[in-house]
Amino acid sequence: MTKVRFQKYDGKFVGVECSGHCDYADEGEDIVCASLSSIVQTAVLGIMSIVGVNIGYEVNEKDGYLKAILPKTLTDEQAHDADVILKTAYLGVSDLYENFSDFISLEVE
């Protein structure tokens, strides 16, 4: 199971952490894991490329681990735009969770 935790601060999304493998299917054929990874990695890329924020992140593919946290020094516009991207990622993961809750856990803190 992949555990996904979105982090909020002061009402805004500020990070996401994923750990574990979905185990929906064999490695290379796991569409749930691939979908989840695509959603979260696209959000990180969007924050870096579109918002222009060098988001701090850690990845360990073997363990199925990704953690991305926004820096605390953002302009109001950057914080807004990053929040929109992370909210969108949350919606995508939530939709995936609705159909595959045996393989994904989801929380917001």
PDB file of N, CA and C in Angstrom:
ATOM      1  N   MET A   1       0.845  -1.181   0.000  1.00  0.00           N
ATOM      2  CA  MET A   1       0.000   0.000   0.000  1.00  0.00           C
ATOM      3  C   MET A   1       0.889   1.242   0.000  1.00  0.00           C
ATOM      4  N   THR A   2       0.461   2.246  -0.759  1.00  0.00           N
ATOM      5  CA  THR A   2       1.156   3.531  -0.754  1.00  0.00           C
ATOM      6  C   THR A   2       0.430   4.470   0.191  1.00  0.00           C
ATOM      7  N   LYS A   3       1.177   5.046   1.108  1.00  0.00           N
ATOM      8  CA  LYS A   3       0.628   6.038   2.030  1.00  0.00           C
ATOM      9  C   LYS A   3       0.927   7.418   1.463  1.00  0.00           C
ATOM     10  N   VAL A   4      -0.122   8.215   1.287  1.00  0.00           N
ATOM     11  CA  VAL A   4       0.030   9.563   0.753  1.00  0.00           C
ATOM     12  C   VAL A   4      -0.453  10.538   1.821  1.00  0.00           C
ATOM     13  N   ARG A   5       0.402  11.498   2.133  1.00  0.00           N
ATOM     14  CA  ARG A   5       0.056  12.512   3.139  1.00  0.00           C
ATOM     15  C   ARG A   5       0.334  13.893   2.558  1.00  0.00           C
ATOM     16  N   PHE A   6      -0.731  14.673   2.430  1.00  0.00           N
ATOM     17  CA  PHE A   6      -0.579  16.068   2.030  1.00  0.00           C
ATOM     18  C   PHE A   6      -0.483  16.905   3.292  1.00  0.00           C
ATOM     19  N   GLN A   7       0.380  17.894   3.266  1.00  0.00           N
ATOM     20  CA  GLN A   7       0.566  18.749   4.432  1.00  0.00           C
ATOM     21  C   GLN A   7       0.037  20.146   4.144  1.00  0.00           C
ATOM     22  N   LYS A   8      -0.640  20.695   5.143  1.00  0.00           N
ATOM     23  CA  LYS A   8      -1.180  22.053   5.042  1.00  0.00           C
ATOM     24  C   LYS A   8      -0.617  22.898   6.181  1.00  0.00           C
ATOM     25  N   TYR A   9      -0.502  24.173   5.899  1.00  0.00           N
ATOM     26  CA  TYR A   9      -0.112  25.130   6.930  1.00  0.00           C
ATOM     27  C   TYR A   9      -0.913  26.394   6.681  1.00  0.00           C
ATOM     28  N   ASP A  10      -1.568  26.873   7.701  1.00  0.00           N
ATOM     29  CA  ASP A  10      -2.346  28.105   7.616  1.00  0.00           C
ATOM     30  C   ASP A  10      -3.373  28.032   6.472  1.00  0.00           C
ATOM     31  N   GLY A  11      -3.970  26.837   6.294  1.00  0.00           N
ATOM     32  CA  GLY A  11      -5.018  26.666   5.303  1.00  0.00           C
ATOM     33  C   GLY A  11      -4.543  26.402   3.880  1.00  0.00           C
ATOM     34  N   LYS A  12      -3.232  26.387   3.661  1.00  0.00           N
ATOM     35  CA  LYS A  12      -2.703  26.175   2.312  1.00  0.00           C
ATOM     36  C   LYS A  12      -1.870  24.896   2.268  1.00  0.00           C
ATOM     37  N   PHE A  13      -1.927  24.225   1.132  1.00  0.00           N
ATOM     38  CA  PHE A  13      -1.106  23.038   0.931  1.00  0.00           C
ATOM     39  C   PHE A  13       0.356  23.457   0.811  1.00  0.00           C
ATOM     40  N   VAL A  14       1.228  22.751   1.541  1.00  0.00           N
ATOM     41  CA  VAL A  14       2.655  23.099   1.536  1.00  0.00           C
ATOM     42  C   VAL A  14       3.561  21.910   1.223  1.00  0.00           C
ATOM     43  N   GLY A  15       2.991  20.708   1.080  1.00  0.00           N
ATOM     44  CA  GLY A  15       3.843  19.572   0.787  1.00  0.00           C
ATOM     45  C   GLY A  15       3.056  18.296   0.600  1.00  0.00           C
ATOM     46  N   VAL A  16       3.789  17.285   0.146  1.00  0.00           N
ATOM     47  CA  VAL A  16       3.205  15.969  -0.062  1.00  0.00           C
ATOM     48  C   VAL A  16       4.286  14.923   0.205  1.00  0.00           C
ATOM     49  N   GLU A  17       3.872  13.803   0.782  1.00  0.00           N
ATOM     50  CA  GLU A  17       4.792  12.696   1.043  1.00  0.00           C
ATOM     51  C   GLU A  17       4.094  11.392   0.658  1.00  0.00           C
ATOM     52  N   CYS A  18       4.786  10.574  -0.117  1.00  0.00           N
ATOM     53  CA  CYS A  18       4.281   9.262  -0.524  1.00  0.00           C
ATOM     54  C   CYS A  18       5.299   8.223  -0.108  1.00  0.00           C
ATOM     55  N   SER A  19       4.823   7.106   0.434  1.00  0.00           N
ATOM     56  CA  SER A  19       5.755   6.034   0.783  1.00  0.00           C
ATOM     57  C   SER A  19       5.100   4.675   0.555  1.00  0.00           C
ATOM     58  N   GLY A  20       5.900   3.773   0.027  1.00  0.00           N
ATOM     59  CA  GLY A  20       5.451   2.417  -0.217  1.00  0.00           C
ATOM     60  C   GLY A  20       4.996   2.213  -1.649  1.00  0.00           C
ATOM     61  N   HIS A  21       4.732   0.966  -1.972  1.00  0.00           N
ATOM     62  CA  HIS A  21       4.264   0.596  -3.300  1.00  0.00           C
ATOM     63  C   HIS A  21       2.802   0.183  -3.219  1.00  0.00           C
ATOM     64  N   CYS A  22       2.055   0.463  -4.264  1.00  0.00           N
ATOM     65  CA  CYS A  22       0.622   0.160  -4.265  1.00  0.00           C
ATOM     66  C   CYS A  22       0.354  -1.342  -4.265  1.00  0.00           C
ATOM     67  N   ASP A  23       1.196  -2.117  -4.954  1.00  0.00           N
ATOM     68  CA  ASP A  23       1.024  -3.564  -5.063  1.00  0.00           C
ATOM     69  C   ASP A  23      -0.301  -3.965  -5.707  1.00  0.00           C
ATOM     70  N   TYR A  24      -0.778  -3.142  -6.610  1.00  0.00           N
ATOM     71  CA  TYR A  24      -1.987  -3.467  -7.377  1.00  0.00           C
ATOM     72  C   TYR A  24      -1.669  -4.553  -8.407  1.00  0.00           C
ATOM     73  N   ALA A  25      -0.449  -4.471  -8.963  1.00  0.00           N
ATOM     74  CA  ALA A  25       0.002  -5.444  -9.970  1.00  0.00           C
ATOM     75  C   ALA A  25       1.523  -5.548  -9.866  1.00  0.00           C
ATOM     76  N   ASP A  26       2.095  -6.419 -10.680  1.00  0.00           N
ATOM     77  CA  ASP A  26       3.550  -6.584 -10.693  1.00  0.00           C
ATOM     78  C   ASP A  26       4.242  -5.286 -11.107  1.00  0.00           C
ATOM     79  N   GLU A  27       5.480  -5.125 -10.659  1.00  0.00           N
ATOM     80  CA  GLU A  27       6.281  -3.961 -11.024  1.00  0.00           C
ATOM     81  C   GLU A  27       6.313  -3.830 -12.545  1.00  0.00           C
ATOM     82  N   GLY A  28       6.114  -2.620 -13.013  1.00  0.00           N
ATOM     83  CA  GLY A  28       6.086  -2.363 -14.440  1.00  0.00           C
ATOM     84  C   GLY A  28       4.698  -2.492 -15.051  1.00  0.00           C
ATOM     85  N   GLU A  29       3.768  -3.066 -14.310  1.00  0.00           N
ATOM     86  CA  GLU A  29       2.394  -3.231 -14.788  1.00  0.00           C
ATOM     87  C   GLU A  29       1.378  -2.619 -13.830  1.00  0.00           C
ATOM     88  N   ASP A  30       1.859  -1.960 -12.791  1.00  0.00           N
ATOM     89  CA  ASP A  30       0.988  -1.424 -11.745  1.00  0.00           C
ATOM     90  C   ASP A  30       0.452  -0.053 -12.162  1.00  0.00           C
ATOM     91  N   ILE A  31      -0.759  -0.055 -12.738  1.00  0.00           N
ATOM     92  CA  ILE A  31      -1.339   1.193 -13.231  1.00  0.00           C
ATOM     93  C   ILE A  31      -1.724   2.153 -12.107  1.00  0.00           C
ATOM     94  N   VAL A  32      -2.028   1.627 -10.937  1.00  0.00           N
ATOM     95  CA  VAL A  32      -2.379   2.488  -9.805  1.00  0.00           C
ATOM     96  C   VAL A  32      -1.137   3.245  -9.348  1.00  0.00           C
ATOM     97  N   CYS A  33      -0.033   2.538  -9.203  1.00  0.00           N
ATOM     98  CA  CYS A  33       1.224   3.170  -8.790  1.00  0.00           C
ATOM     99  C   CYS A  33       1.684   4.179  -9.848  1.00  0.00           C
ATOM    100  N   ALA A  34       1.575   3.811 -11.110  1.00  0.00           N
ATOM    101  CA  ALA A  34       1.984   4.715 -12.183  1.00  0.00           C
ATOM    102  C   ALA A  34       1.125   5.975 -12.196  1.00  0.00           C
ATOM    103  N   SER A  35      -0.166   5.822 -11.991  1.00  0.00           N
ATOM    104  CA  SER A  35      -1.064   6.976 -11.959  1.00  0.00           C
ATOM    105  C   SER A  35      -0.736   7.897 -10.796  1.00  0.00           C
ATOM    106  N   LEU A  36      -0.571   7.312  -9.634  1.00  0.00           N
ATOM    107  CA  LEU A  36      -0.247   8.082  -8.441  1.00  0.00           C
ATOM    108  C   LEU A  36       1.078   8.824  -8.614  1.00  0.00           C
ATOM    109  N   SER A  37       2.078   8.129  -9.105  1.00  0.00           N
ATOM    110  CA  SER A  37       3.387   8.745  -9.325  1.00  0.00           C
ATOM    111  C   SER A  37       3.297   9.895 -10.312  1.00  0.00           C
ATOM    112  N   SER A  38       2.530   9.708 -11.380  1.00  0.00           N
ATOM    113  CA  SER A  38       2.386  10.761 -12.383  1.00  0.00           C
ATOM    114  C   SER A  38       1.740  12.011 -11.800  1.00  0.00           C
ATOM    115  N   ILE A  39       0.719  11.834 -11.005  1.00  0.00           N
ATOM    116  CA  ILE A  39       0.034  12.982 -10.395  1.00  0.00           C
ATOM    117  C   ILE A  39       0.998  13.762  -9.513  1.00  0.00           C
ATOM    118  N   VAL A  40       1.662  13.074  -8.609  1.00  0.00           N
ATOM    119  CA  VAL A  40       2.521  13.751  -7.631  1.00  0.00           C
ATOM    120  C   VAL A  40       3.759  14.343  -8.302  1.00  0.00           C
ATOM    121  N   GLN A  41       4.391  13.605  -9.196  1.00  0.00           N
ATOM    122  CA  GLN A  41       5.593  14.121  -9.849  1.00  0.00           C
ATOM    123  C   GLN A  41       5.273  15.298 -10.766  1.00  0.00           C
ATOM    124  N   THR A  42       4.117  15.296 -11.410  1.00  0.00           N
ATOM    125  CA  THR A  42       3.719  16.426 -12.234  1.00  0.00           C
ATOM    126  C   THR A  42       3.503  17.666 -11.374  1.00  0.00           C
ATOM    127  N   ALA A  43       2.934  17.497 -10.197  1.00  0.00           N
ATOM    128  CA  ALA A  43       2.760  18.634  -9.284  1.00  0.00           C
ATOM    129  C   ALA A  43       4.111  19.225  -8.892  1.00  0.00           C
ATOM    130  N   VAL A  44       5.069  18.381  -8.558  1.00  0.00           N
ATOM    131  CA  VAL A  44       6.413  18.861  -8.191  1.00  0.00           C
ATOM    132  C   VAL A  44       7.049  19.591  -9.371  1.00  0.00           C
ATOM    133  N   LEU A  45       6.949  19.015 -10.563  1.00  0.00           N
ATOM    134  CA  LEU A  45       7.503  19.671 -11.753  1.00  0.00           C
ATOM    135  C   LEU A  45       6.822  21.000 -12.030  1.00  0.00           C
ATOM    136  N   GLY A  46       5.511  21.056 -11.849  1.00  0.00           N
ATOM    137  CA  GLY A  46       4.776  22.306 -12.045  1.00  0.00           C
ATOM    138  C   GLY A  46       5.215  23.390 -11.086  1.00  0.00           C
ATOM    139  N   ILE A  47       5.411  23.018  -9.845  1.00  0.00           N
ATOM    140  CA  ILE A  47       5.868  24.003  -8.855  1.00  0.00           C
ATOM    141  C   ILE A  47       7.252  24.520  -9.223  1.00  0.00           C
ATOM    142  N   MET A  48       8.105  23.617  -9.664  1.00  0.00           N
ATOM    143  CA  MET A  48       9.461  24.037 -10.031  1.00  0.00           C
ATOM    144  C   MET A  48       9.473  24.845 -11.326  1.00  0.00           C
ATOM    145  N   SER A  49       8.781  24.375 -12.358  1.00  0.00           N
ATOM    146  CA  SER A  49       8.869  24.991 -13.685  1.00  0.00           C
ATOM    147  C   SER A  49       7.910  26.162 -13.899  1.00  0.00           C
ATOM    148  N   ILE A  50       6.690  26.030 -13.441  1.00  0.00           N
ATOM    149  CA  ILE A  50       5.686  27.062 -13.686  1.00  0.00           C
ATOM    150  C   ILE A  50       5.725  28.145 -12.608  1.00  0.00           C
ATOM    151  N   VAL A  51       5.768  27.717 -11.356  1.00  0.00           N
ATOM    152  CA  VAL A  51       5.774  28.677 -10.248  1.00  0.00           C
ATOM    153  C   VAL A  51       7.176  29.251 -10.038  1.00  0.00           C
ATOM    154  N   GLY A  52       8.200  28.494 -10.418  1.00  0.00           N
ATOM    155  CA  GLY A  52       9.575  28.976 -10.283  1.00  0.00           C
ATOM    156  C   GLY A  52      10.133  28.822  -8.884  1.00  0.00           C
ATOM    157  N   VAL A  53       9.637  27.819  -8.162  1.00  0.00           N
ATOM    158  CA  VAL A  53      10.085  27.576  -6.798  1.00  0.00           C
ATOM    159  C   VAL A  53      10.941  26.312  -6.784  1.00  0.00           C
ATOM    160  N   ASN A  54      12.088  26.400  -6.182  1.00  0.00           N
ATOM    161  CA  ASN A  54      12.950  25.231  -6.040  1.00  0.00           C
ATOM    162  C   ASN A  54      12.478  24.446  -4.820  1.00  0.00           C
ATOM    163  N   ILE A  55      11.456  23.635  -5.040  1.00  0.00           N
ATOM    164  CA  ILE A  55      10.860  22.859  -3.948  1.00  0.00           C
ATOM    165  C   ILE A  55      11.863  21.796  -3.491  1.00  0.00           C
ATOM    166  N   GLY A  56      12.012  21.660  -2.198  1.00  0.00           N
ATOM    167  CA  GLY A  56      12.900  20.638  -1.666  1.00  0.00           C
ATOM    168  C   GLY A  56      12.224  19.281  -1.746  1.00  0.00           C
ATOM    169  N   TYR A  57      12.898  18.304  -2.322  1.00  0.00           N
ATOM    170  CA  TYR A  57      12.273  16.986  -2.407  1.00  0.00           C
ATOM    171  C   TYR A  57      13.306  15.874  -2.275  1.00  0.00           C
ATOM    172  N   GLU A  58      12.811  14.731  -1.804  1.00  0.00           N
ATOM    173  CA  GLU A  58      13.612  13.512  -1.667  1.00  0.00           C
ATOM    174  C   GLU A  58      12.886  12.412  -2.430  1.00  0.00           C
ATOM    175  N   VAL A  59      13.652  11.549  -3.088  1.00  0.00           N
ATOM    176  CA  VAL A  59      13.066  10.431  -3.812  1.00  0.00           C
ATOM    177  C   VAL A  59      13.905   9.189  -3.563  1.00  0.00           C
ATOM    178  N   ASN A  60      13.229   8.071  -3.328  1.00  0.00           N
ATOM    179  CA  ASN A  60      13.871   6.770  -3.268  1.00  0.00           C
ATOM    180  C   ASN A  60      12.955   5.807  -4.028  1.00  0.00           C
ATOM    181  N   GLU A  61      13.280   5.576  -5.292  1.00  0.00           N
ATOM    182  CA  GLU A  61      12.408   4.759  -6.144  1.00  0.00           C
ATOM    183  C   GLU A  61      12.255   3.340  -5.624  1.00  0.00           C
ATOM    184  N   LYS A  62      13.327   2.781  -5.093  1.00  0.00           N
ATOM    185  CA  LYS A  62      13.270   1.402  -4.600  1.00  0.00           C
ATOM    186  C   LYS A  62      12.212   1.242  -3.504  1.00  0.00           C
ATOM    187  N   ASP A  63      12.163   2.225  -2.598  1.00  0.00           N
ATOM    188  CA  ASP A  63      11.211   2.166  -1.491  1.00  0.00           C
ATOM    189  C   ASP A  63       9.865   2.811  -1.834  1.00  0.00           C
ATOM    190  N   GLY A  64       9.747   3.377  -3.033  1.00  0.00           N
ATOM    191  CA  GLY A  64       8.522   4.067  -3.405  1.00  0.00           C
ATOM    192  C   GLY A  64       8.297   5.300  -2.559  1.00  0.00           C
ATOM    193  N   TYR A  65       9.346   6.088  -2.372  1.00  0.00           N
ATOM    194  CA  TYR A  65       9.275   7.233  -1.466  1.00  0.00           C
ATOM    195  C   TYR A  65       9.498   8.540  -2.217  1.00  0.00           C
ATOM    196  N   LEU A  66       8.643   9.509  -1.956  1.00  0.00           N
ATOM    197  CA  LEU A  66       8.821  10.870  -2.450  1.00  0.00           C
ATOM    198  C   LEU A  66       8.292  11.820  -1.389  1.00  0.00           C
ATOM    199  N   LYS A  67       9.073  12.815  -1.081  1.00  0.00           N
ATOM    200  CA  LYS A  67       8.644  13.857  -0.155  1.00  0.00           C
ATOM    201  C   LYS A  67       9.029  15.193  -0.760  1.00  0.00           C
ATOM    202  N   ALA A  68       8.060  16.101  -0.856  1.00  0.00           N
ATOM    203  CA  ALA A  68       8.300  17.433  -1.408  1.00  0.00           C
ATOM    204  C   ALA A  68       7.651  18.463  -0.489  1.00  0.00           C
ATOM    205  N   ILE A  69       8.456  19.397  -0.016  1.00  0.00           N
ATOM    206  CA  ILE A  69       7.993  20.429   0.911  1.00  0.00           C
ATOM    207  C   ILE A  69       8.371  21.805   0.360  1.00  0.00           C
ATOM    208  N   LEU A  70       7.411  22.709   0.369  1.00  0.00           N
ATOM    209  CA  LEU A  70       7.692  24.063  -0.090  1.00  0.00           C
ATOM    210  C   LEU A  70       8.610  24.784   0.890  1.00  0.00           C
ATOM    211  N   PRO A  71       9.492  25.629   0.375  1.00  0.00           N
ATOM    212  CA  PRO A  71      10.296  26.443   1.285  1.00  0.00           C
ATOM    213  C   PRO A  71       9.396  27.472   1.980  1.00  0.00           C
ATOM    214  N   LYS A  72       9.836  27.976   3.094  1.00  0.00           N
ATOM    215  CA  LYS A  72       9.021  28.921   3.868  1.00  0.00           C
ATOM    216  C   LYS A  72       9.094  30.341   3.319  1.00  0.00           C
ATOM    217  N   THR A  73      10.053  30.599   2.461  1.00  0.00           N
ATOM    218  CA  THR A  73      10.247  31.949   1.933  1.00  0.00           C
ATOM    219  C   THR A  73       9.689  32.053   0.514  1.00  0.00           C
ATOM    220  N   LEU A  74       8.378  32.185   0.411  1.00  0.00           N
ATOM    221  CA  LEU A  74       7.716  32.348  -0.880  1.00  0.00           C
ATOM    222  C   LEU A  74       7.011  33.689  -0.925  1.00  0.00           C
ATOM    223  N   THR A  75       6.902  34.237  -2.120  1.00  0.00           N
ATOM    224  CA  THR A  75       6.063  35.418  -2.265  1.00  0.00           C
ATOM    225  C   THR A  75       4.610  34.979  -2.124  1.00  0.00           C
ATOM    226  N   ASP A  76       3.714  35.923  -1.923  1.00  0.00           N
ATOM    227  CA  ASP A  76       2.290  35.588  -1.835  1.00  0.00           C
ATOM    228  C   ASP A  76       1.803  34.923  -3.117  1.00  0.00           C
ATOM    229  N   GLU A  77       2.283  35.406  -4.259  1.00  0.00           N
ATOM    230  CA  GLU A  77       1.880  34.834  -5.539  1.00  0.00           C
ATOM    231  C   GLU A  77       2.391  33.403  -5.688  1.00  0.00           C
ATOM    232  N   GLN A  78       3.638  33.161  -5.321  1.00  0.00           N
ATOM    233  CA  GLN A  78       4.188  31.807  -5.391  1.00  0.00           C
ATOM    234  C   GLN A  78       3.432  30.860  -4.461  1.00  0.00           C
ATOM    235  N   ALA A  79       3.139  31.326  -3.239  1.00  0.00           N
ATOM    236  CA  ALA A  79       2.404  30.494  -2.281  1.00  0.00           C
ATOM    237  C   ALA A  79       1.023  30.150  -2.833  1.00  0.00           C
ATOM    238  N   HIS A  80       0.361  31.122  -3.433  1.00  0.00           N
ATOM    239  CA  HIS A  80      -0.957  30.884  -4.026  1.00  0.00           C
ATOM    240  C   HIS A  80      -0.871  29.862  -5.156  1.00  0.00           C
ATOM    241  N   ASP A  81       0.057  30.079  -6.075  1.00  0.00           N
ATOM    242  CA  ASP A  81       0.171  29.205  -7.240  1.00  0.00           C
ATOM    243  C   ASP A  81       0.563  27.774  -6.842  1.00  0.00           C
ATOM    244  N   ALA A  82       1.483  27.647  -5.899  1.00  0.00           N
ATOM    245  CA  ALA A  82       1.894  26.317  -5.424  1.00  0.00           C
ATOM    246  C   ALA A  82       0.725  25.631  -4.724  1.00  0.00           C
ATOM    247  N   ASP A  83      -0.056  26.386  -3.969  1.00  0.00           N
ATOM    248  CA  ASP A  83      -1.233  25.837  -3.301  1.00  0.00           C
ATOM    249  C   ASP A  83      -2.227  25.309  -4.329  1.00  0.00           C
ATOM    250  N   VAL A  84      -2.450  26.044  -5.401  1.00  0.00           N
ATOM    251  CA  VAL A  84      -3.375  25.606  -6.451  1.00  0.00           C
ATOM    252  C   VAL A  84      -2.888  24.297  -7.077  1.00  0.00           C
ATOM    253  N   ILE A  85      -1.601  24.211  -7.351  1.00  0.00           N
ATOM    254  CA  ILE A  85      -1.055  22.989  -7.947  1.00  0.00           C
ATOM    255  C   ILE A  85      -1.182  21.815  -6.985  1.00  0.00           C
ATOM    256  N   LEU A  86      -0.839  22.016  -5.717  1.00  0.00           N
ATOM    257  CA  LEU A  86      -0.944  20.924  -4.746  1.00  0.00           C
ATOM    258  C   LEU A  86      -2.400  20.537  -4.472  1.00  0.00           C
ATOM    259  N   LYS A  87      -3.310  21.506  -4.490  1.00  0.00           N
ATOM    260  CA  LYS A  87      -4.740  21.191  -4.346  1.00  0.00           C
ATOM    261  C   LYS A  87      -5.215  20.335  -5.513  1.00  0.00           C
ATOM    262  N   THR A  88      -4.756  20.686  -6.705  1.00  0.00           N
ATOM    263  CA  THR A  88      -5.122  19.919  -7.893  1.00  0.00           C
ATOM    264  C   THR A  88      -4.583  18.495  -7.793  1.00  0.00           C
ATOM    265  N   ALA A  89      -3.339  18.357  -7.324  1.00  0.00           N
ATOM    266  CA  ALA A  89      -2.770  17.027  -7.123  1.00  0.00           C
ATOM    267  C   ALA A  89      -3.583  16.261  -6.078  1.00  0.00           C
ATOM    268  N   TYR A  90      -3.976  16.942  -5.018  1.00  0.00           N
ATOM    269  CA  TYR A  90      -4.802  16.305  -3.991  1.00  0.00           C
ATOM    270  C   TYR A  90      -6.118  15.789  -4.587  1.00  0.00           C
ATOM    271  N   LEU A  91      -6.737  16.583  -5.444  1.00  0.00           N
ATOM    272  CA  LEU A  91      -7.981  16.143  -6.086  1.00  0.00           C
ATOM    273  C   LEU A  91      -7.750  14.902  -6.941  1.00  0.00           C
ATOM    274  N   GLY A  92      -6.649  14.881  -7.681  1.00  0.00           N
ATOM    275  CA  GLY A  92      -6.330  13.719  -8.502  1.00  0.00           C
ATOM    276  C   GLY A  92      -6.085  12.478  -7.666  1.00  0.00           C
ATOM    277  N   VAL A  93      -5.329  12.632  -6.587  1.00  0.00           N
ATOM    278  CA  VAL A  93      -5.057  11.496  -5.701  1.00  0.00           C
ATOM    279  C   VAL A  93      -6.345  11.054  -5.005  1.00  0.00           C
ATOM    280  N   SER A  94      -7.175  12.007  -4.611  1.00  0.00           N
ATOM    281  CA  SER A  94      -8.453  11.673  -3.963  1.00  0.00           C
ATOM    282  C   SER A  94      -9.336  10.849  -4.879  1.00  0.00           C
ATOM    283  N   ASP A  95      -9.380  11.215  -6.141  1.00  0.00           N
ATOM    284  CA  ASP A  95     -10.177  10.474  -7.109  1.00  0.00           C
ATOM    285  C   ASP A  95      -9.637   9.054  -7.280  1.00  0.00           C
ATOM    286  N   LEU A  96      -8.329   8.943  -7.351  1.00  0.00           N
ATOM    287  CA  LEU A  96      -7.692   7.624  -7.450  1.00  0.00           C
ATOM    288  C   LEU A  96      -7.978   6.800  -6.189  1.00  0.00           C
ATOM    289  N   TYR A  97      -7.904   7.445  -5.040  1.00  0.00           N
ATOM    290  CA  TYR A  97      -8.165   6.786  -3.757  1.00  0.00           C
ATOM    291  C   TYR A  97      -9.594   6.227  -3.692  1.00  0.00           C
ATOM    292  N   GLU A  98     -10.560   6.970  -4.224  1.00  0.00           N
ATOM    293  CA  GLU A  98     -11.949   6.514  -4.198  1.00  0.00           C
ATOM    294  C   GLU A  98     -12.121   5.145  -4.861  1.00  0.00           C
ATOM    295  N   ASN A  99     -11.348   4.910  -5.892  1.00  0.00           N
ATOM    296  CA  ASN A  99     -11.479   3.659  -6.638  1.00  0.00           C
ATOM    297  C   ASN A  99     -10.493   2.577  -6.206  1.00  0.00           C
ATOM    298  N   PHE A 100      -9.431   2.972  -5.520  1.00  0.00           N
ATOM    299  CA  PHE A 100      -8.372   2.014  -5.190  1.00  0.00           C
ATOM    300  C   PHE A 100      -7.922   2.146  -3.732  1.00  0.00           C
ATOM    301  N   SER A 101      -8.869   2.294  -2.821  1.00  0.00           N
ATOM    302  CA  SER A 101      -8.527   2.496  -1.408  1.00  0.00           C
ATOM    303  C   SER A 101      -7.883   1.271  -0.765  1.00  0.00           C
ATOM    304  N   ASP A 102      -7.950   0.130  -1.405  1.00  0.00           N
ATOM    305  CA  ASP A 102      -7.238  -1.054  -0.894  1.00  0.00           C
ATOM    306  C   ASP A 102      -5.734  -0.958  -1.139  1.00  0.00           C
ATOM    307  N   PHE A 103      -5.335  -0.009  -1.978  1.00  0.00           N
ATOM    308  CA  PHE A 103      -3.939   0.098  -2.387  1.00  0.00           C
ATOM    309  C   PHE A 103      -3.303   1.437  -2.038  1.00  0.00           C
ATOM    310  N   ILE A 104      -4.139   2.417  -1.623  1.00  0.00           N
ATOM    311  CA  ILE A 104      -3.662   3.765  -1.290  1.00  0.00           C
ATOM    312  C   ILE A 104      -4.321   4.209   0.013  1.00  0.00           C
ATOM    313  N   SER A 105      -3.540   4.797   0.898  1.00  0.00           N
ATOM    314  CA  SER A 105      -4.128   5.497   2.046  1.00  0.00           C
ATOM    315  C   SER A 105      -3.870   6.982   1.821  1.00  0.00           C
ATOM    316  N   LEU A 106      -4.799   7.815   2.244  1.00  0.00           N
ATOM    317  CA  LEU A 106      -4.704   9.248   1.977  1.00  0.00           C
ATOM    318  C   LEU A 106      -5.074  10.030   3.224  1.00  0.00           C
ATOM    319  N   GLU A 107      -4.239  10.992   3.554  1.00  0.00           N
ATOM    320  CA  GLU A 107      -4.555  11.879   4.689  1.00  0.00           C
ATOM    321  C   GLU A 107      -4.035  13.273   4.416  1.00  0.00           C
ATOM    322  N   VAL A 108      -4.624  14.227   5.111  1.00  0.00           N
ATOM    323  CA  VAL A 108      -4.207  15.618   5.060  1.00  0.00           C
ATOM    324  C   VAL A 108      -3.970  16.040   6.494  1.00  0.00           C
ATOM    325  N   GLU A 109      -2.818  16.635   6.734  1.00  0.00           N
ATOM    326  CA  GLU A 109      -2.547  17.135   8.092  1.00  0.00           C
ATOM    327  C   GLU A 109      -2.114  18.553   8.077  1.00  0.00           C
TER     328      GLU A 109
END
